[in-house]
Protein backbone atom coordinates (compact mmCIF):
# COMPACT_ATOMS: atom_id res chain seq x y z
CA UNK A 1 143.58 150.66 98.90
CA UNK A 2 141.64 147.36 99.49
CA UNK A 3 142.26 144.46 96.87
CA UNK A 4 140.08 143.98 94.25
CA UNK A 5 140.31 140.15 93.56
CA UNK A 6 137.60 138.63 91.15
CA UNK A 7 135.90 135.33 91.03
CA UNK A 8 132.78 133.36 91.99
CA UNK A 9 131.16 133.31 95.19
CA UNK A 10 132.50 130.31 97.30
CA UNK A 11 130.34 127.32 97.58
CA UNK A 12 131.51 127.22 101.25
CA UNK A 13 132.69 130.02 103.54
CA UNK A 14 136.24 130.06 104.70
CA UNK A 15 136.61 129.01 108.19
CA UNK A 16 138.41 126.08 110.10
CA UNK A 17 138.08 123.90 106.77
CA UNK A 18 136.84 121.08 108.94
CA UNK A 19 133.43 119.79 107.82
CA UNK A 20 132.88 117.50 110.99
CA UNK A 21 133.34 117.84 114.44
CA UNK A 22 133.41 115.25 116.99
CA UNK A 23 131.77 116.32 120.41
CA UNK A 24 132.48 114.47 123.83
CA UNK A 25 130.51 115.95 126.68
CA UNK A 26 132.45 116.82 130.04
CA UNK A 27 129.90 118.19 132.01
CA UNK A 28 128.93 121.69 132.84
CA UNK A 29 130.15 124.55 130.78
CA UNK A 30 131.87 127.33 132.71
CA UNK A 31 133.63 130.58 131.84
CA UNK A 32 133.49 133.78 129.91
CA UNK A 33 132.83 134.24 126.43
CA UNK A 34 133.85 137.52 124.27
CA UNK A 35 130.86 138.21 122.05
CA UNK A 36 131.77 139.38 118.68
CA UNK A 37 130.20 141.94 116.50
CA UNK A 38 126.78 141.37 115.19
CA UNK A 39 126.56 138.91 112.16
CA UNK A 40 123.07 140.29 111.06
CA UNK A 41 124.56 143.82 110.80
CA UNK A 42 127.83 143.59 109.25
CA UNK A 43 126.83 142.31 105.98
CA UNK A 44 124.41 145.06 105.38
CA UNK A 45 126.71 148.02 106.53
CA UNK A 46 128.83 146.45 103.84
CA UNK A 47 126.25 146.52 101.10
CA UNK A 48 125.50 150.15 102.30
CA UNK A 49 129.09 151.13 101.70
CA UNK A 50 128.33 150.79 97.99
CA UNK A 51 125.89 153.88 98.04
CA UNK A 52 129.27 155.99 97.98
CA UNK A 53 132.36 156.07 96.14
CA UNK A 54 134.44 157.06 99.44
CA UNK A 55 135.93 154.31 101.50
CA UNK A 56 133.92 153.12 104.70
CA UNK A 57 135.15 151.23 107.49
CA UNK A 58 133.36 148.70 109.86
CA UNK A 59 135.08 147.75 113.19
CA UNK A 60 134.58 145.06 115.79
CA UNK A 61 133.61 142.91 112.72
CA UNK A 62 133.40 138.96 113.34
CA UNK A 63 135.32 136.59 111.61
CA UNK A 64 132.41 134.67 109.66
CA UNK A 65 131.68 132.66 106.47
CA UNK A 66 128.79 135.28 105.67
CA UNK A 67 131.43 138.05 105.87
CA UNK A 68 133.67 136.26 103.26
CA UNK A 69 130.75 135.35 101.13
CA UNK A 70 129.73 139.06 101.04
CA UNK A 71 132.91 140.46 100.22
CA UNK A 72 133.35 138.08 97.28
CA UNK A 73 129.79 139.30 96.12
CA UNK A 74 131.10 142.87 96.55
CA UNK A 75 134.42 142.45 94.77
CA UNK A 76 132.36 140.54 91.83
CA UNK A 77 130.64 144.00 90.96
CA UNK A 78 134.03 145.99 91.45
CA UNK A 79 134.46 146.99 94.88
CA UNK A 80 137.54 146.49 96.79
CA UNK A 81 137.04 144.81 100.36
CA UNK A 82 139.85 144.45 102.82
CA UNK A 83 139.08 141.91 105.77
CA UNK A 84 141.40 142.43 108.64
CA UNK A 85 140.72 139.52 110.93
CA UNK A 86 143.27 140.49 113.43
CA UNK A 87 141.85 143.74 114.27
CA UNK A 88 138.08 142.85 113.31
CA UNK A 89 138.06 145.53 110.66
CA UNK A 90 136.27 145.56 107.19
CA UNK A 91 137.06 148.12 104.84
CA UNK A 92 134.92 148.80 101.63
CA UNK A 93 136.13 150.96 98.67
CA UNK A 94 133.25 151.22 96.18
CA UNK A 95 134.80 154.14 94.07
CA UNK A 96 134.71 151.89 91.02
CA UNK A 97 131.51 149.86 90.40
CA UNK A 98 131.90 147.79 87.05
CA UNK A 99 129.28 145.21 87.02
CA UNK A 100 125.57 145.09 87.68
CA UNK A 101 125.38 141.38 87.76
CA UNK A 102 125.73 139.74 91.03
CA UNK A 103 127.07 136.21 91.26
CA UNK A 104 124.88 133.51 92.50
CA UNK A 105 125.25 132.81 96.07
CA UNK A 106 123.89 129.56 97.65
CA UNK A 107 124.76 130.43 101.26
CA UNK A 108 123.05 133.84 102.00
CA UNK A 109 120.57 136.43 100.85
CA UNK A 110 122.50 139.27 100.41
CA UNK A 111 122.35 139.56 96.74
CA UNK A 112 118.65 141.11 96.63
CA UNK A 113 120.11 143.72 98.98
CA UNK A 114 122.32 145.01 96.23
CA UNK A 115 119.63 145.91 94.06
CA UNK A 116 119.23 149.55 95.44
CA UNK A 117 122.71 150.42 95.77
CA UNK A 118 123.45 149.27 92.26
CA UNK A 119 120.41 151.13 90.66
CA UNK A 120 121.84 154.31 92.15
CA UNK A 121 125.34 153.63 91.07
CA UNK A 122 124.91 152.46 87.50
CA UNK A 123 121.20 152.33 86.83
CA UNK A 124 120.85 148.46 86.62
CA UNK A 125 121.00 145.38 88.28
CA UNK A 126 120.59 141.59 87.76
CA UNK A 127 120.00 139.44 91.01
CA UNK A 128 119.71 135.53 90.72
CA UNK A 129 116.89 134.26 92.37
CA UNK A 130 117.71 130.89 93.43
CA UNK A 131 117.01 129.88 96.77
CA UNK A 132 119.56 130.41 99.07
CA UNK A 133 120.45 130.91 102.80
CA UNK A 134 118.98 128.66 105.56
CA UNK A 135 116.34 126.48 104.70
CA UNK A 136 113.92 127.68 107.31
CA UNK A 137 110.82 128.68 105.45
CA UNK A 138 109.89 130.65 102.52
CA UNK A 139 111.61 133.96 102.00
CA UNK A 140 110.20 135.79 99.01
CA UNK A 141 111.44 139.07 97.53
CA UNK A 142 107.95 140.16 96.72
CA UNK A 143 108.14 142.75 99.39
CA UNK A 144 111.33 144.11 98.17
CA UNK A 145 110.22 144.13 94.47
CA UNK A 146 107.02 145.86 95.17
CA UNK A 147 108.94 148.58 97.10
CA UNK A 148 111.55 149.02 94.34
CA UNK A 149 108.64 149.45 91.87
CA UNK A 150 107.05 152.22 93.96
CA UNK A 151 110.27 154.03 93.83
CA UNK A 152 110.38 153.94 90.04
CA UNK A 153 112.51 151.15 89.33
CA UNK A 154 111.60 148.79 86.15
CA UNK A 155 111.69 145.16 87.41
CA UNK A 156 111.31 141.91 85.39
CA UNK A 157 111.41 138.51 86.61
CA UNK A 158 113.54 136.08 84.14
CA UNK A 159 114.40 132.44 83.81
CA UNK A 160 117.57 133.54 85.16
CA UNK A 161 116.44 135.96 87.82
CA UNK A 162 115.64 139.56 88.64
CA UNK A 163 116.41 142.40 86.33
CA UNK A 164 115.97 145.83 87.58
CA UNK A 165 116.61 149.04 85.67
CA UNK A 166 115.91 152.73 86.69
CA UNK A 167 117.00 156.29 85.55
CA UNK A 168 115.95 157.78 89.06
CA UNK A 169 114.54 156.39 92.03
CA UNK A 170 111.96 158.49 93.92
CA UNK A 171 110.95 158.42 97.50
CA UNK A 172 107.69 156.63 98.20
CA UNK A 173 104.76 155.86 100.85
CA UNK A 174 105.46 152.14 101.61
CA UNK A 175 103.57 149.88 103.97
CA UNK A 176 105.17 146.34 104.57
CA UNK A 177 102.30 143.59 104.84
CA UNK A 178 104.78 142.04 107.60
CA UNK A 179 107.69 143.94 109.34
CA UNK A 180 110.08 141.92 107.44
CA UNK A 181 113.73 142.57 108.16
CA UNK A 182 115.02 141.71 104.77
CA UNK A 183 112.55 144.07 103.14
CA UNK A 184 112.91 146.87 105.72
CA UNK A 185 116.63 146.79 105.14
CA UNK A 186 116.10 147.00 101.11
CA UNK A 187 113.73 149.98 101.42
CA UNK A 188 116.42 151.64 103.71
CA UNK A 189 119.23 151.17 101.26
CA UNK A 190 117.23 152.44 98.34
CA UNK A 191 115.71 155.27 100.15
CA UNK A 192 119.04 156.62 101.15
CA UNK A 193 119.96 158.06 97.74
CA UNK A 194 116.26 158.46 96.13
CA UNK A 195 114.95 161.74 95.33
CA UNK A 196 112.60 163.11 98.15
CA UNK A 197 111.08 161.23 101.18
CA UNK A 198 110.28 157.72 101.71
CA UNK A 199 107.77 156.81 104.43
CA UNK A 200 108.06 153.13 105.46
CA UNK A 201 105.25 151.81 107.56
CA UNK A 202 105.28 148.46 109.54
CA UNK A 203 108.94 148.27 109.42
CA UNK A 204 111.03 146.06 111.30
CA UNK A 205 112.87 147.66 114.16
CA UNK A 206 115.30 145.11 115.05
CA UNK A 207 118.75 146.31 116.88
CA UNK A 208 120.51 145.33 113.54
CA UNK A 209 117.89 147.44 111.46
CA UNK A 210 119.03 150.59 113.91
CA UNK A 211 122.68 149.90 113.23
CA UNK A 212 122.01 150.20 109.59
CA UNK A 213 119.86 153.38 110.01
CA UNK A 214 122.87 154.81 112.07
CA UNK A 215 125.23 153.92 109.43
CA UNK A 216 123.25 155.75 106.60
CA UNK A 217 122.73 158.48 108.90
CA UNK A 218 126.56 159.06 109.28
CA UNK A 219 126.90 158.59 105.42
CA UNK A 220 124.46 161.91 105.24
CA UNK A 221 121.16 160.38 105.10
CA UNK A 222 118.51 162.12 106.79
CA UNK A 223 116.60 159.27 108.72
CA UNK A 224 114.03 159.06 111.47
CA UNK A 225 112.49 156.20 113.35
CA UNK A 226 109.20 157.08 114.59
CA UNK A 227 107.24 155.11 117.46
CA UNK A 228 104.92 153.35 115.36
CA UNK A 229 107.53 151.02 113.34
CA UNK A 230 107.60 153.91 110.74
CA UNK A 231 110.90 155.25 109.04
CA UNK A 232 110.82 158.46 107.47
CA UNK A 233 114.05 158.82 105.26
CA UNK A 234 115.21 161.95 103.07
CA UNK A 235 117.24 160.75 100.40
CA UNK A 236 120.73 162.62 99.42
CA UNK A 237 122.06 162.25 96.13
CA UNK A 238 125.74 162.76 97.57
CA UNK A 239 126.93 160.42 100.56
CA UNK A 240 129.97 160.13 102.30
CA UNK A 241 132.24 157.08 103.32
CA UNK A 242 131.94 156.69 107.17
CA UNK A 243 133.16 154.43 109.94
CA UNK A 244 131.32 152.55 112.60
CA UNK A 245 131.84 149.96 115.34
CA UNK A 246 129.14 147.08 115.38
CA UNK A 247 127.52 146.18 118.66
CA UNK A 248 127.46 142.81 120.12
CA UNK A 249 125.91 139.73 118.71
CA UNK A 250 122.83 139.13 120.66
CA UNK A 251 122.05 135.85 119.05
CA UNK A 252 125.47 134.70 119.88
CA UNK A 253 125.23 135.92 123.55
CA UNK A 254 121.92 134.02 123.89
CA UNK A 255 123.38 130.89 122.52
CA UNK A 256 126.22 130.88 124.89
CA UNK A 257 124.15 131.76 127.88
CA UNK A 258 121.88 128.87 127.01
CA UNK A 259 124.91 126.64 126.44
CA UNK A 260 125.81 127.45 130.05
CA UNK A 261 122.13 126.73 131.52
CA UNK A 262 121.79 123.67 129.49
CA UNK A 263 124.74 121.97 130.80
CA UNK A 264 123.97 122.85 134.24
CA UNK A 265 126.94 125.42 134.03
CA UNK A 266 127.38 129.06 134.30
CA UNK A 267 128.58 131.09 131.49
CA UNK A 268 129.48 134.82 131.66
CA UNK A 269 128.88 136.80 128.13
CA UNK A 270 131.02 139.90 127.61
CA UNK A 271 130.69 142.39 124.72
CA UNK A 272 127.00 142.61 124.39
CA UNK A 273 124.78 145.16 125.87
CA UNK A 274 121.98 144.34 128.26
CA UNK A 275 119.73 146.12 126.24
CA UNK A 276 119.95 144.03 123.44
CA UNK A 277 118.95 140.77 125.47
CA UNK A 278 115.81 142.36 127.72
CA UNK A 279 113.44 139.76 125.98
CA UNK A 280 115.88 137.10 126.50
CA UNK A 281 116.93 137.56 129.99
CA UNK A 282 113.16 137.80 131.04
CA UNK A 283 112.35 134.60 129.40
CA UNK A 284 115.07 132.74 130.87
CA UNK A 285 114.45 134.35 134.38
CA UNK A 286 110.84 132.91 133.89
CA UNK A 287 112.33 129.64 133.45
CA UNK A 288 114.38 129.89 136.55
CA UNK A 289 117.69 130.97 135.61
CA UNK A 290 119.51 133.55 137.95
CA UNK A 291 121.54 136.35 136.44
CA UNK A 292 124.12 138.78 137.50
CA UNK A 293 124.40 141.72 135.42
CA UNK A 294 126.92 144.54 135.28
CA UNK A 295 128.64 147.05 132.95
CA UNK A 296 131.09 144.45 132.20
CA UNK A 297 129.22 141.18 131.55
CA UNK A 298 126.15 139.24 132.07
CA UNK A 299 126.20 135.79 133.70
CA UNK A 300 123.51 133.15 133.96
CA UNK A 301 123.02 129.77 135.73
CA UNK A 302 120.09 127.69 137.05
CA UNK A 303 118.76 128.58 140.36
CA UNK A 304 118.49 125.95 143.05
CA UNK A 305 115.15 124.61 142.11
CA UNK A 306 116.28 123.75 138.46
CA UNK A 307 115.08 124.78 135.22
CA UNK A 308 111.06 125.34 134.96
CA UNK A 309 109.17 125.04 131.60
CA UNK A 310 108.11 127.87 129.51
CA UNK A 311 105.28 129.04 127.04
CA UNK A 312 107.24 131.29 124.17
CA UNK A 313 106.08 132.72 121.38
CA UNK A 314 108.38 134.09 118.54
CA UNK A 315 107.84 137.82 117.11
CA UNK A 316 109.53 140.73 115.38
CA UNK A 317 111.58 142.82 117.71
CA UNK A 318 111.07 143.38 120.47
CA UNK A 319 109.19 140.27 120.70
CA UNK A 320 111.26 136.61 121.61
CA UNK A 321 113.58 136.46 118.42
CA UNK A 322 113.20 133.57 115.84
CA UNK A 323 116.79 133.00 116.05
CA UNK A 324 117.09 132.41 119.65
CA UNK A 325 114.17 129.64 119.55
CA UNK A 326 116.28 126.78 118.50
CA UNK A 327 118.43 127.16 121.66
CA UNK A 328 115.50 127.85 123.52
CA UNK A 329 113.63 124.43 122.61
CA UNK A 330 117.17 122.54 123.62
CA UNK A 331 117.05 124.34 126.81
CA UNK A 332 113.33 123.25 127.44
CA UNK A 333 114.29 119.44 126.88
CA UNK A 334 116.41 120.06 130.13
CA UNK A 335 113.34 121.90 132.07
CA UNK A 336 111.01 119.93 134.48
CA UNK A 337 107.77 119.64 132.74
CA UNK A 338 105.72 120.49 129.50
CA UNK A 339 107.13 123.67 127.37
CA UNK A 340 105.16 125.07 124.73
CA UNK A 341 106.75 127.07 121.47
CA UNK A 342 104.99 128.91 118.93
CA UNK A 343 107.26 130.12 115.74
CA UNK A 344 105.41 132.79 114.15
CA UNK A 345 108.18 134.24 111.75
CA UNK A 346 109.32 131.47 109.64
CA UNK A 347 106.90 128.74 108.97
CA UNK A 348 109.75 125.77 108.73
CA UNK A 349 112.12 126.81 111.33
CA UNK A 350 111.35 123.64 113.55
CA UNK A 351 112.86 121.42 110.83
CA UNK A 352 116.05 120.90 113.12
CA UNK A 353 113.62 118.81 115.75
CA UNK A 354 113.96 115.58 113.92
CA UNK A 355 117.66 115.67 115.10
CA UNK A 356 116.79 116.23 118.49
CA UNK A 357 114.27 113.47 118.53
CA UNK A 358 117.29 111.09 117.59
CA UNK A 359 118.98 112.33 120.54
CA UNK A 360 115.97 111.37 122.67
CA UNK A 361 114.34 114.62 123.24
CA UNK A 362 110.53 114.34 123.61
CA UNK A 363 109.46 117.13 120.97
CA UNK A 364 105.98 116.86 119.12
CA UNK A 365 105.20 119.15 116.34
CA UNK A 366 101.78 120.74 115.58
CA UNK A 367 100.29 123.08 112.91
CA UNK A 368 98.29 124.86 115.39
CA UNK A 369 99.15 128.36 116.87
CA UNK A 370 99.88 127.14 120.53
CA UNK A 371 101.00 130.35 122.30
CA UNK A 372 99.18 133.76 122.18
CA UNK A 373 97.05 134.95 119.33
CA UNK A 374 96.71 133.13 116.19
CA UNK A 375 99.50 133.93 113.67
CA UNK A 376 99.66 134.20 110.05
CA UNK A 377 100.46 130.48 109.53
CA UNK A 378 97.10 129.41 111.01
CA UNK A 379 95.20 126.78 109.25
CA UNK A 380 98.20 126.79 106.75
CA UNK A 381 99.36 123.07 107.41
CA UNK A 382 102.82 124.22 108.40
CA UNK A 383 104.39 122.63 111.64
CA UNK A 384 105.13 125.98 113.68
CA UNK A 385 104.27 124.83 117.20
CA UNK A 386 106.03 122.33 119.41
CA UNK A 387 105.41 120.81 122.55
CA UNK A 388 108.84 119.79 124.80
CA UNK A 389 108.64 117.37 127.42
CA UNK A 390 111.54 117.50 129.84
CA UNK A 391 113.67 116.60 131.50
CA UNK A 392 115.05 114.38 128.48
CA UNK A 393 118.06 112.29 128.93
CA UNK A 394 119.84 113.05 125.67
CA UNK A 395 121.77 110.76 123.88
CA UNK A 396 124.87 111.13 121.43
CA UNK A 397 124.28 110.66 117.81
CA UNK A 398 125.30 111.43 114.42
CA UNK A 399 123.76 114.78 112.86
CA UNK A 400 123.89 116.49 109.49
CA UNK A 401 123.48 120.38 110.57
CA UNK A 402 121.14 122.09 108.21
CA UNK A 403 121.59 125.93 108.93
CA UNK A 404 123.44 128.58 111.28
CA UNK A 405 120.92 128.29 114.14
CA UNK A 406 119.98 124.80 113.92
CA UNK A 407 123.72 123.94 114.13
CA UNK A 408 124.32 125.93 117.41
CA UNK A 409 121.01 124.26 118.74
CA UNK A 410 122.46 120.65 117.94
CA UNK A 411 125.97 121.34 119.25
CA UNK A 412 124.53 122.57 122.75
CA UNK A 413 122.46 119.30 122.66
CA UNK A 414 125.48 117.34 121.91
CA UNK A 415 127.26 118.95 124.87
CA UNK A 416 124.77 117.92 127.33
CA UNK A 417 124.19 114.50 126.13
CA UNK A 418 125.37 111.15 127.30
CA UNK A 419 128.06 110.00 124.93
CA UNK A 420 129.75 111.56 122.08
CA UNK A 421 128.20 112.98 118.87
CA UNK A 422 129.26 113.56 115.31
CA UNK A 423 128.28 116.60 114.03
CA UNK A 424 128.43 117.42 110.15
CA UNK A 425 127.93 120.39 108.18
CA UNK A 426 130.27 122.73 110.56
CA UNK A 427 130.47 125.14 107.74
CA UNK A 428 127.01 126.20 108.60
CA UNK A 429 127.93 126.81 112.33
CA UNK A 430 130.96 129.09 111.11
CA UNK A 431 128.87 131.12 108.95
CA UNK A 432 127.30 132.64 111.81
CA UNK A 433 129.36 132.09 115.16
CA UNK A 434 132.99 133.64 115.26
CA UNK A 435 135.34 131.15 116.60
CA UNK A 436 133.06 128.57 118.04
CA UNK A 437 135.47 126.08 118.43
CA UNK A 438 137.81 128.23 120.55
CA UNK A 439 135.25 129.43 122.35
CA UNK A 440 133.67 126.44 123.43
CA UNK A 441 136.88 124.93 124.14
CA UNK A 442 137.65 127.47 126.53
CA UNK A 443 134.42 126.66 128.43
CA UNK A 444 135.57 123.24 128.84
CA UNK A 445 134.00 121.22 125.88
CA UNK A 446 136.21 118.71 124.10
CA UNK A 447 135.65 119.05 120.35
CA UNK A 448 137.62 117.06 117.85
CA UNK A 449 137.74 118.14 114.32
CA UNK A 450 137.41 115.05 111.63
CA UNK A 451 138.67 115.22 108.40
CA UNK A 452 141.47 117.49 107.87
CA UNK A 453 142.93 118.18 111.39
CA UNK A 454 144.19 115.73 113.69
CA UNK A 455 144.00 115.77 117.53
CA UNK A 456 141.51 116.97 119.84
CA UNK A 457 141.08 120.68 120.72
CA UNK A 458 140.72 120.74 124.69
CA UNK A 459 140.46 123.32 127.45
C-alpha cells in the first residue's frame, strides 16, 4: 500500500535543492529531448483519485515540484500516495479520507479542486484562500463557488478560507462566464459523483481537460464532450479505481522547440503528439521555422531567411496557449522586425518582461488590445499587449525568476545572451519542467548550480 506520511505542504518543492543557476551560453542548442507527461494533467488526475476508495495509478508521470506538493496535500487529508520517480508512476489509495481541512499551499492552486471530492467523500471541506501559485494575474474562485452552490453545496467565506458543506450534491445546468480551465476541472470533479445530470456550457476543452474527462470515464462516470464547448456528465455514486498513461506535456514540448530556435540551433522533441501542438507549429512556421515531423518526433530549426516577426493573440484552446506566450516573446526578440503579442487569458502575465529589458530586449507594454478583437481586459488598465523589436542582442544579467513559464523564458533568453547570467528562483522552473537541468545540458548548454552543488553540469 502507498505510504501515508503526514505533515504540512512544503514551502518549496523538492528538486535539485539548488536555488540558483549560472548560465554560460555556448551557441546553438542541438539534440533530442524526451518530453515528460503533462504537468497540467497529472495533479488533476491525482485529485480525481479521491473520488473512489479504490487505488488508482497514473503512468508516464513527470518528476516535478507540483507533483510533490499535490502528494503532500492528498496525504494531509488521509490518502496514501506513492511516487515512483524511476518508473514515472503515481499511485493514490484514498480508501481512508480522514480530514476535511486542506493545508495551505503557497505554490500551487490545487486545493480548491479538492472541494467536490471531499464533499462527496465526507460531506465537508475547508480550503484556505490565500493567494497561491504563479503571480500572473487574478484567478478568483468565484466560478468554482457559484457552480458548487448550484449543485447544492453550502459555501461560506471566513477570515481563514472557504468552508463548504453538503449532504448531497446534485447535477445542475451551469454556464461559465469564461472558459476557465480551473473552473471546468472543478465542475467535472464535482459532477462525477453528483446525483443526476450536469450540463456545463462554455467549458475549457484543453487536452489536459480531456485527459481528466477520460480518467473520470474510466472510473465509471458517463461523460460526453459536445461540439460547442459543452460537457454533459451523468454522475455515478460508485466509481472504481483506474489506471491511465499521461500524454506528453505540450508546454514543455513548445518550450524546447523555442529553445533551439532562439539560439539558432535545432531541437527535436520526442514523446508529445503532433495534435497537441497544431497551433504552436503553425505559429512558428509563420515565423520562418522549418519542421521535420514524423511518428517518432518533431524537429524545428530556422529557415535560410531567419526568423520573421509575428502577430499573436493568446486564447483558450484551440487558440495559442497562454503558457506558450513567454517563450514566444523571447523568440520574437530574435526575429527581424516588429512583433505584436496580445495576452487575453491572464491580465498580468507580461510581468516577466522587465527582466528581459534588463537583458537589452526591446519590449514595450500597452494596455490596449493589440491583435484581433477586443478582449475582456479592454479599458481595464492592465498591461496585456506587447510590441517586441528584434533582433535584440541580449546580454547576460542577474534575474529573480517569478513563476514557472517566466522561468523558462528567462532561461532561454540567458542561453542566447552575450555573457553569463545568474538565475535565482530555480524552484519555480523545477515545479513545471521535469529534469530541466539534465535536458538542457544534453542540448549543449552549460549550467552551473550555485549554492549547494559544486562544479558545472556540462555536456
